[in-house]
Every structure is written in C-alpha cells, then in structure tokens.
C-alpha cells in the first residue's frame, strides 16, 4: 500500500503537560542559580564522606526535616548529581523559598514524560489522540451548525443521557464501533522529541472560572500543584 509521510512542526500556543505518572518530592530536587535541578539523591548520599555521612545520619535520627533539606541543598553539587534542569516559574520559586524551612513543605512536582536519557517528548499516541479529537470536534460543530434537526436533538436531555463518546464517534466516522473500520487505523504518529533536556518550565495549576472581571480572585483559583510543562506563546519561551 502507499504510505505518505508528513513532517509537522509543533508550536505550543498554551503550556502542555503530559505526565509520566510519577511524583517528585521536595528532597529530590534543588532550586538554585535560577534553575530547578532534579538530582540523583541516592548517588549523592552514596558519595558522602565519613564526616558528612555522620552529619546526615544525625539529622535523620533527630527527624530534622528542615536540617536535611538544608544539608542536601548546601552539599549537593548540581553539576555532578543533577539529572536534568528546568526553568522554575515565578510562582514555583516563590513557594519554594517560602516553604523551604517549613515542616509543612509539600511542594510535590509532577514531571513531564521523558525518555531513558531524560529527554522530554510528546508521545505519538498523544498527538494522534489530539488529531482525532480535533477532527471529531470539527465535524460535530459543523453538523450541529448546519442541521436544524441535530440542534433540536441536542436540546433533548434524554438524548444526552444515552449518547456516549463512543456512540458519537461511531455516528461521525460511520464505523459502528468496529475498530477494523476506524479510519484512524492508518494514521501512524511517531514520538516527537523536544529541543533539549532543559526545554521545560515548572508551572502552577490555575483553575479559571469565567465571571466577574472586577474580582480576579473569583476568576482565578491557584492550587498548590506544580507541573513540568512545555514552553509556549503564553509563557513567552
């Protein structure tokens, strides 16, 4: 069969996060010199000299969380033990410094998916899913806009109750839930590597709720959740 190969350049309009399913705790990273560094904590601890290891063990025995955090930050050479670095956003840096000496510091971080060499990338499956969703969304809007019967049907609550995402796909694609007839079976999308290992920003989750523009607190709600995200037009990187 004929195979067409298309090379597409991706431009991020908004920040994008595709998670690895992991969670980075505050002992496993350091923020210094305007960078976030994910460190190999086990390697750093293994290489401690006798004096530093004794000091570290004393902090552990005393359950001195703040002391341990300061010890790691001061003693760890990021040039030697950093796995990768990223650009911490202003909100993340602010919270990091604010909570550095707090026992309540739970600045967990959700990392971007990376290769074995820690290169961030966009999985082909995610790109294919985005393409599929965009095409389905286009036809849904087009059909509902052009067909008065569909518009009337969309207002029917019973219709919404019985109609699922799979049903919608079957109607639009005409495959009647048969995977062998899915037109997207022939679409193969490869993984897309980012520019380099440091091409990531630490962003905070913000819940946007349209409403009274005179009261921004009602429109934007900040959560104590931080994610590695791609640079974008909005982040000006």
C-alpha atoms as a PDB file:
ATOM      1  CA  UNK A   1       0.000   0.000   0.000  1.00  0.00           C
ATOM      2  CA  UNK A   2       1.019   3.619  -0.459  1.00  0.00           C
ATOM      3  CA  UNK A   3       2.353   5.390   2.584  1.00  0.00           C
ATOM      4  CA  UNK A   4       2.536   9.168   2.869  1.00  0.00           C
ATOM      5  CA  UNK A   5       4.982  10.627   5.385  1.00  0.00           C
ATOM      6  CA  UNK A   6       4.453  14.184   6.572  1.00  0.00           C
ATOM      7  CA  UNK A   7       6.849  16.137   8.776  1.00  0.00           C
ATOM      8  CA  UNK A   8       4.975  18.588  11.002  1.00  0.00           C
ATOM      9  CA  UNK A   9       6.458  21.269  13.252  1.00  0.00           C
ATOM     10  CA  UNK A  10       4.593  21.758  16.533  1.00  0.00           C
ATOM     11  CA  UNK A  11       4.177  25.209  18.044  1.00  0.00           C
ATOM     12  CA  UNK A  12       2.827  25.282  21.601  1.00  0.00           C
ATOM     13  CA  UNK A  13       0.202  28.024  21.956  1.00  0.00           C
ATOM     14  CA  UNK A  14      -0.528  27.129  25.579  1.00  0.00           C
ATOM     15  CA  UNK A  15       1.595  25.193  28.089  1.00  0.00           C
ATOM     16  CA  UNK A  16       1.251  21.428  27.680  1.00  0.00           C
ATOM     17  CA  UNK A  17       1.796  18.744  30.313  1.00  0.00           C
ATOM     18  CA  UNK A  18       1.970  15.045  29.510  1.00  0.00           C
ATOM     19  CA  UNK A  19       2.721  13.270  32.741  1.00  0.00           C
ATOM     20  CA  UNK A  20       4.998  10.335  33.376  1.00  0.00           C
ATOM     21  CA  UNK A  21       2.761   9.078  36.174  1.00  0.00           C
ATOM     22  CA  UNK A  22       5.470   9.834  38.726  1.00  0.00           C
ATOM     23  CA  UNK A  23       5.774  12.353  41.526  1.00  0.00           C
ATOM     24  CA  UNK A  24       8.927  14.206  42.594  1.00  0.00           C
ATOM     25  CA  UNK A  25       9.178  15.008  46.304  1.00  0.00           C
ATOM     26  CA  UNK A  26      10.976  18.029  47.714  1.00  0.00           C
ATOM     27  CA  UNK A  27      14.111  16.075  48.765  1.00  0.00           C
ATOM     28  CA  UNK A  28      14.733  15.024  45.164  1.00  0.00           C
ATOM     29  CA  UNK A  29      15.254  18.464  43.667  1.00  0.00           C
ATOM     30  CA  UNK A  30      17.060  21.734  44.331  1.00  0.00           C
ATOM     31  CA  UNK A  31      16.356  25.258  43.115  1.00  0.00           C
ATOM     32  CA  UNK A  32      19.413  27.462  42.780  1.00  0.00           C
ATOM     33  CA  UNK A  33      21.036  29.796  40.253  1.00  0.00           C
ATOM     34  CA  UNK A  34      17.604  30.428  38.692  1.00  0.00           C
ATOM     35  CA  UNK A  35      17.218  26.760  37.758  1.00  0.00           C
ATOM     36  CA  UNK A  36      15.304  23.752  39.010  1.00  0.00           C
ATOM     37  CA  UNK A  37      17.561  20.685  39.270  1.00  0.00           C
ATOM     38  CA  UNK A  38      16.276  17.118  39.519  1.00  0.00           C
ATOM     39  CA  UNK A  39      19.047  15.305  41.372  1.00  0.00           C
ATOM     40  CA  UNK A  40      20.194  11.716  41.786  1.00  0.00           C
ATOM     41  CA  UNK A  41      19.690  11.698  45.542  1.00  0.00           C
ATOM     42  CA  UNK A  42      20.879   8.116  46.033  1.00  0.00           C
ATOM     43  CA  UNK A  43      24.165   8.821  44.200  1.00  0.00           C
ATOM     44  CA  UNK A  44      24.744  11.964  46.245  1.00  0.00           C
ATOM     45  CA  UNK A  45      24.188  10.104  49.529  1.00  0.00           C
ATOM     46  CA  UNK A  46      26.383   7.192  48.439  1.00  0.00           C
ATOM     47  CA  UNK A  47      29.313   9.535  47.715  1.00  0.00           C
ATOM     48  CA  UNK A  48      29.218  11.360  51.072  1.00  0.00           C
ATOM     49  CA  UNK A  49      32.492  11.345  53.001  1.00  0.00           C
ATOM     50  CA  UNK A  50      32.552   9.970  56.538  1.00  0.00           C
ATOM     51  CA  UNK A  51      32.082  13.355  58.213  1.00  0.00           C
ATOM     52  CA  UNK A  52      29.130  14.380  56.011  1.00  0.00           C
ATOM     53  CA  UNK A  53      27.538  10.933  56.290  1.00  0.00           C
ATOM     54  CA  UNK A  54      27.755  11.153  60.072  1.00  0.00           C
ATOM     55  CA  UNK A  55      26.131  14.587  59.978  1.00  0.00           C
ATOM     56  CA  UNK A  56      23.423  13.324  57.654  1.00  0.00           C
ATOM     57  CA  UNK A  57      22.689  10.334  59.914  1.00  0.00           C
ATOM     58  CA  UNK A  58      22.376  12.621  62.921  1.00  0.00           C
ATOM     59  CA  UNK A  59      19.782  14.711  61.106  1.00  0.00           C
ATOM     60  CA  UNK A  60      17.909  11.550  60.142  1.00  0.00           C
ATOM     61  CA  UNK A  61      17.942  10.233  63.735  1.00  0.00           C
ATOM     62  CA  UNK A  62      16.596  13.563  65.000  1.00  0.00           C
ATOM     63  CA  UNK A  63      13.973  13.567  62.228  1.00  0.00           C
ATOM     64  CA  UNK A  64      15.176  17.066  61.379  1.00  0.00           C
ATOM     65  CA  UNK A  65      13.335  17.565  58.082  1.00  0.00           C
ATOM     66  CA  UNK A  66      14.401  21.181  57.651  1.00  0.00           C
ATOM     67  CA  UNK A  67      18.003  20.331  58.508  1.00  0.00           C
ATOM     68  CA  UNK A  68      18.024  17.519  55.950  1.00  0.00           C
ATOM     69  CA  UNK A  69      16.635  19.849  53.298  1.00  0.00           C
ATOM     70  CA  UNK A  70      19.318  22.440  54.033  1.00  0.00           C
ATOM     71  CA  UNK A  71      22.032  19.782  54.111  1.00  0.00           C
ATOM     72  CA  UNK A  72      21.108  18.452  50.670  1.00  0.00           C
ATOM     73  CA  UNK A  73      20.784  21.940  49.195  1.00  0.00           C
ATOM     74  CA  UNK A  74      24.173  23.061  50.516  1.00  0.00           C
ATOM     75  CA  UNK A  75      26.174  19.903  49.966  1.00  0.00           C
ATOM     76  CA  UNK A  76      24.826  18.590  46.671  1.00  0.00           C
ATOM     77  CA  UNK A  77      26.870  19.609  43.632  1.00  0.00           C
ATOM     78  CA  UNK A  78      24.254  20.060  40.888  1.00  0.00           C
ATOM     79  CA  UNK A  79      26.954  19.897  38.216  1.00  0.00           C
ATOM     80  CA  UNK A  80      27.677  16.350  39.338  1.00  0.00           C
ATOM     81  CA  UNK A  81      24.352  14.994  40.564  1.00  0.00           C
ATOM     82  CA  UNK A  82      21.696  16.781  38.523  1.00  0.00           C
ATOM     83  CA  UNK A  83      19.804  14.521  36.122  1.00  0.00           C
ATOM     84  CA  UNK A  84      18.297  17.460  34.270  1.00  0.00           C
ATOM     85  CA  UNK A  85      17.340  21.050  34.879  1.00  0.00           C
ATOM     86  CA  UNK A  86      14.283  23.167  34.073  1.00  0.00           C
ATOM     87  CA  UNK A  87      13.145  26.773  34.341  1.00  0.00           C
ATOM     88  CA  UNK A  88      11.176  27.369  37.563  1.00  0.00           C
ATOM     89  CA  UNK A  89       8.257  29.739  37.114  1.00  0.00           C
ATOM     90  CA  UNK A  90       7.932  32.742  39.404  1.00  0.00           C
ATOM     91  CA  UNK A  91       5.141  31.142  41.439  1.00  0.00           C
ATOM     92  CA  UNK A  92       7.157  27.973  41.979  1.00  0.00           C
ATOM     93  CA  UNK A  93      10.294  29.878  43.049  1.00  0.00           C
ATOM     94  CA  UNK A  94       8.219  31.976  45.409  1.00  0.00           C
ATOM     95  CA  UNK A  95       6.624  28.939  47.033  1.00  0.00           C
ATOM     96  CA  UNK A  96       9.921  27.067  47.164  1.00  0.00           C
ATOM     97  CA  UNK A  97      11.657  29.861  49.071  1.00  0.00           C
ATOM     98  CA  UNK A  98       8.615  30.495  51.243  1.00  0.00           C
ATOM     99  CA  UNK A  99       8.304  26.848  52.301  1.00  0.00           C
ATOM    100  CA  UNK A 100      11.957  25.823  52.319  1.00  0.00           C
ATOM    101  CA  UNK A 101      12.173  25.956  56.132  1.00  0.00           C
ATOM    102  CA  UNK A 102       8.628  24.833  56.781  1.00  0.00           C
ATOM    103  CA  UNK A 103       7.725  21.409  58.125  1.00  0.00           C
ATOM    104  CA  UNK A 104       4.549  21.658  56.076  1.00  0.00           C
ATOM    105  CA  UNK A 105       6.519  21.916  52.836  1.00  0.00           C
ATOM    106  CA  UNK A 106       4.877  19.526  50.403  1.00  0.00           C
ATOM    107  CA  UNK A 107       5.982  21.015  47.134  1.00  0.00           C
ATOM    108  CA  UNK A 108       5.493  17.847  45.130  1.00  0.00           C
ATOM    109  CA  UNK A 109       6.150  18.132  41.435  1.00  0.00           C
ATOM    110  CA  UNK A 110       4.631  16.160  38.579  1.00  0.00           C
ATOM    111  CA  UNK A 111       7.245  15.613  35.861  1.00  0.00           C
ATOM    112  CA  UNK A 112       6.857  15.595  32.096  1.00  0.00           C
ATOM    113  CA  UNK A 113       7.239  12.250  30.365  1.00  0.00           C
ATOM    114  CA  UNK A 114      10.867  11.668  29.315  1.00  0.00           C
ATOM    115  CA  UNK A 115      12.982   9.100  27.543  1.00  0.00           C
ATOM    116  CA  UNK A 116      15.546   6.927  29.324  1.00  0.00           C
ATOM    117  CA  UNK A 117      18.074   9.704  28.751  1.00  0.00           C
ATOM    118  CA  UNK A 118      15.638  12.224  30.323  1.00  0.00           C
ATOM    119  CA  UNK A 119      14.757  13.961  27.061  1.00  0.00           C
ATOM    120  CA  UNK A 120      11.177  15.312  27.267  1.00  0.00           C
ATOM    121  CA  UNK A 121       8.977  14.238  24.375  1.00  0.00           C
ATOM    122  CA  UNK A 122       5.406  14.174  23.117  1.00  0.00           C
ATOM    123  CA  UNK A 123       4.231  10.564  22.667  1.00  0.00           C
ATOM    124  CA  UNK A 124       2.862   9.785  19.233  1.00  0.00           C
ATOM    125  CA  UNK A 125      -0.246   8.315  20.856  1.00  0.00           C
ATOM    126  CA  UNK A 126      -0.990  11.675  22.498  1.00  0.00           C
ATOM    127  CA  UNK A 127      -0.564  13.513  19.204  1.00  0.00           C
ATOM    128  CA  UNK A 128      -2.789  11.011  17.417  1.00  0.00           C
ATOM    129  CA  UNK A 129      -5.425  11.396  20.124  1.00  0.00           C
ATOM    130  CA  UNK A 130      -5.298  15.186  19.789  1.00  0.00           C
ATOM    131  CA  UNK A 131      -5.692  14.934  15.996  1.00  0.00           C
ATOM    132  CA  UNK A 132      -8.595  12.526  16.365  1.00  0.00           C
ATOM    133  CA  UNK A 133     -10.333  14.762  18.908  1.00  0.00           C
ATOM    134  CA  UNK A 134      -9.838  17.869  16.741  1.00  0.00           C
ATOM    135  CA  UNK A 135     -11.332  16.190  13.670  1.00  0.00           C
ATOM    136  CA  UNK A 136     -14.288  14.767  15.595  1.00  0.00           C
ATOM    137  CA  UNK A 137     -14.878  18.148  17.211  1.00  0.00           C
ATOM    138  CA  UNK A 138     -14.819  19.827  13.795  1.00  0.00           C
ATOM    139  CA  UNK A 139     -17.482  17.515  12.373  1.00  0.00           C
ATOM    140  CA  UNK A 140     -19.636  17.730  15.497  1.00  0.00           C
ATOM    141  CA  UNK A 141     -19.678  21.531  15.324  1.00  0.00           C
ATOM    142  CA  UNK A 142     -20.166  21.522  11.560  1.00  0.00           C
ATOM    143  CA  UNK A 143     -23.039  19.013  11.598  1.00  0.00           C
ATOM    144  CA  UNK A 144     -24.814  20.653  14.524  1.00  0.00           C
ATOM    145  CA  UNK A 145     -24.428  24.085  12.929  1.00  0.00           C
ATOM    146  CA  UNK A 146     -25.759  23.003   9.544  1.00  0.00           C
ATOM    147  CA  UNK A 147     -28.521  20.620  10.622  1.00  0.00           C
ATOM    148  CA  UNK A 148     -31.583  22.041  12.456  1.00  0.00           C
ATOM    149  CA  UNK A 149     -32.737  18.542  13.460  1.00  0.00           C
ATOM    150  CA  UNK A 150     -29.444  17.915  15.231  1.00  0.00           C
ATOM    151  CA  UNK A 151     -29.714  21.254  17.001  1.00  0.00           C
ATOM    152  CA  UNK A 152     -33.168  20.337  18.273  1.00  0.00           C
ATOM    153  CA  UNK A 153     -31.907  16.907  19.289  1.00  0.00           C
ATOM    154  CA  UNK A 154     -29.011  18.443  21.218  1.00  0.00           C
ATOM    155  CA  UNK A 155     -31.515  20.245  23.447  1.00  0.00           C
ATOM    156  CA  UNK A 156     -33.138  16.953  24.430  1.00  0.00           C
ATOM    157  CA  UNK A 157     -31.882  15.835  27.894  1.00  0.00           C
ATOM    158  CA  UNK A 158     -32.760  12.187  27.217  1.00  0.00           C
ATOM    159  CA  UNK A 159     -30.566  12.299  24.118  1.00  0.00           C
ATOM    160  CA  UNK A 160     -27.604  13.418  26.239  1.00  0.00           C
ATOM    161  CA  UNK A 161     -28.231  10.654  28.772  1.00  0.00           C
ATOM    162  CA  UNK A 162     -27.984   7.803  26.286  1.00  0.00           C
ATOM    163  CA  UNK A 163     -25.373   9.242  23.949  1.00  0.00           C
ATOM    164  CA  UNK A 164     -21.789   8.383  24.908  1.00  0.00           C
ATOM    165  CA  UNK A 165     -18.452   9.399  23.433  1.00  0.00           C
ATOM    166  CA  UNK A 166     -18.169   6.047  21.627  1.00  0.00           C
ATOM    167  CA  UNK A 167     -21.609   6.468  20.121  1.00  0.00           C
ATOM    168  CA  UNK A 168     -20.696   9.905  18.836  1.00  0.00           C
ATOM    169  CA  UNK A 169     -17.516   8.537  17.232  1.00  0.00           C
ATOM    170  CA  UNK A 170     -19.465   5.741  15.579  1.00  0.00           C
ATOM    171  CA  UNK A 171     -22.022   8.160  14.157  1.00  0.00           C
ATOM    172  CA  UNK A 172     -19.438  10.609  12.812  1.00  0.00           C
ATOM    173  CA  UNK A 173     -16.945   8.059  11.492  1.00  0.00           C
ATOM    174  CA  UNK A 174     -19.566   5.600  10.296  1.00  0.00           C
ATOM    175  CA  UNK A 175     -17.696   2.615  11.738  1.00  0.00           C
ATOM    176  CA  UNK A 176     -20.469   1.410  14.073  1.00  0.00           C
ATOM    177  CA  UNK A 177     -17.907   0.748  16.860  1.00  0.00           C
ATOM    178  CA  UNK A 178     -15.981  -1.638  14.589  1.00  0.00           C
ATOM    179  CA  UNK A 179     -12.285  -0.967  15.196  1.00  0.00           C
ATOM    180  CA  UNK A 180     -11.362  -2.523  11.856  1.00  0.00           C
ATOM    181  CA  UNK A 181     -13.348   0.194  10.090  1.00  0.00           C
ATOM    182  CA  UNK A 182     -11.798   3.037  12.076  1.00  0.00           C
ATOM    183  CA  UNK A 183     -10.315   5.478   9.507  1.00  0.00           C
ATOM    184  CA  UNK A 184      -7.638   6.473  12.010  1.00  0.00           C
ATOM    185  CA  UNK A 185      -6.120   2.976  11.952  1.00  0.00           C
ATOM    186  CA  UNK A 186      -3.930   4.083   9.070  1.00  0.00           C
ATOM    187  CA  UNK A 187      -2.657   7.160  10.908  1.00  0.00           C
ATOM    188  CA  UNK A 188       0.725   6.420  12.465  1.00  0.00           C
ATOM    189  CA  UNK A 189       2.285   9.202  14.525  1.00  0.00           C
ATOM    190  CA  UNK A 190       5.833   8.946  15.824  1.00  0.00           C
ATOM    191  CA  UNK A 191       7.050  10.373  19.120  1.00  0.00           C
ATOM    192  CA  UNK A 192       8.239  13.971  18.946  1.00  0.00           C
ATOM    193  CA  UNK A 193      11.385  14.942  20.827  1.00  0.00           C
ATOM    194  CA  UNK A 194      11.692  18.434  22.291  1.00  0.00           C
ATOM    195  CA  UNK A 195      14.627  20.720  21.580  1.00  0.00           C
ATOM    196  CA  UNK A 196      16.738  19.636  24.545  1.00  0.00           C
ATOM    197  CA  UNK A 197      16.555  18.190  28.051  1.00  0.00           C
ATOM    198  CA  UNK A 198      16.145  21.639  29.644  1.00  0.00           C
ATOM    199  CA  UNK A 199      13.226  22.676  27.410  1.00  0.00           C
ATOM    200  CA  UNK A 200      10.717  22.585  30.279  1.00  0.00           C
ATOM    201  CA  UNK A 201       9.128  25.093  32.672  1.00  0.00           C
ATOM    202  CA  UNK A 202       7.696  24.477  36.149  1.00  0.00           C
ATOM    203  CA  UNK A 203       4.120  25.787  36.107  1.00  0.00           C
ATOM    204  CA  UNK A 204       1.383  26.041  38.718  1.00  0.00           C
ATOM    205  CA  UNK A 205      -2.166  24.800  38.239  1.00  0.00           C
ATOM    206  CA  UNK A 206      -4.708  27.604  37.973  1.00  0.00           C
ATOM    207  CA  UNK A 207      -8.426  26.951  37.742  1.00  0.00           C
ATOM    208  CA  UNK A 208     -10.114  29.569  35.561  1.00  0.00           C
ATOM    209  CA  UNK A 209     -13.766  30.348  36.143  1.00  0.00           C
ATOM    210  CA  UNK A 210     -15.359  32.995  33.905  1.00  0.00           C
ATOM    211  CA  UNK A 211     -17.277  35.503  35.933  1.00  0.00           C
ATOM    212  CA  UNK A 212     -16.975  38.933  37.440  1.00  0.00           C
ATOM    213  CA  UNK A 213     -13.961  40.544  35.769  1.00  0.00           C
ATOM    214  CA  UNK A 214     -13.826  43.137  38.532  1.00  0.00           C
ATOM    215  CA  UNK A 215     -12.904  40.455  41.083  1.00  0.00           C
ATOM    216  CA  UNK A 216      -9.972  38.440  39.801  1.00  0.00           C
ATOM    217  CA  UNK A 217      -9.935  36.251  42.926  1.00  0.00           C
ATOM    218  CA  UNK A 218     -13.275  34.846  41.831  1.00  0.00           C
ATOM    219  CA  UNK A 219     -11.989  34.121  38.335  1.00  0.00           C
ATOM    220  CA  UNK A 220      -8.640  32.505  39.137  1.00  0.00           C
ATOM    221  CA  UNK A 221      -8.009  29.908  41.821  1.00  0.00           C
ATOM    222  CA  UNK A 222      -4.442  28.816  42.452  1.00  0.00           C
ATOM    223  CA  UNK A 223      -3.734  25.269  43.589  1.00  0.00           C
ATOM    224  CA  UNK A 224      -0.600  24.094  45.389  1.00  0.00           C
ATOM    225  CA  UNK A 225       0.144  21.792  42.460  1.00  0.00           C
ATOM    226  CA  UNK A 226       3.125  22.191  40.154  1.00  0.00           C
ATOM    227  CA  UNK A 227       3.754  20.506  36.825  1.00  0.00           C
ATOM    228  CA  UNK A 228       6.545  20.392  34.289  1.00  0.00           C
ATOM    229  CA  UNK A 229       5.098  21.959  31.161  1.00  0.00           C
ATOM    230  CA  UNK A 230       6.249  22.889  27.693  1.00  0.00           C
ATOM    231  CA  UNK A 231       7.176  26.476  26.842  1.00  0.00           C
ATOM    232  CA  UNK A 232       4.512  28.235  24.812  1.00  0.00           C
ATOM    233  CA  UNK A 233       3.386  31.529  23.367  1.00  0.00           C
ATOM    234  CA  UNK A 234       1.758  32.338  26.714  1.00  0.00           C
ATOM    235  CA  UNK A 235       4.963  31.697  28.668  1.00  0.00           C
ATOM    236  CA  UNK A 236       6.980  33.742  26.141  1.00  0.00           C
ATOM    237  CA  UNK A 237       9.637  31.000  25.796  1.00  0.00           C
END
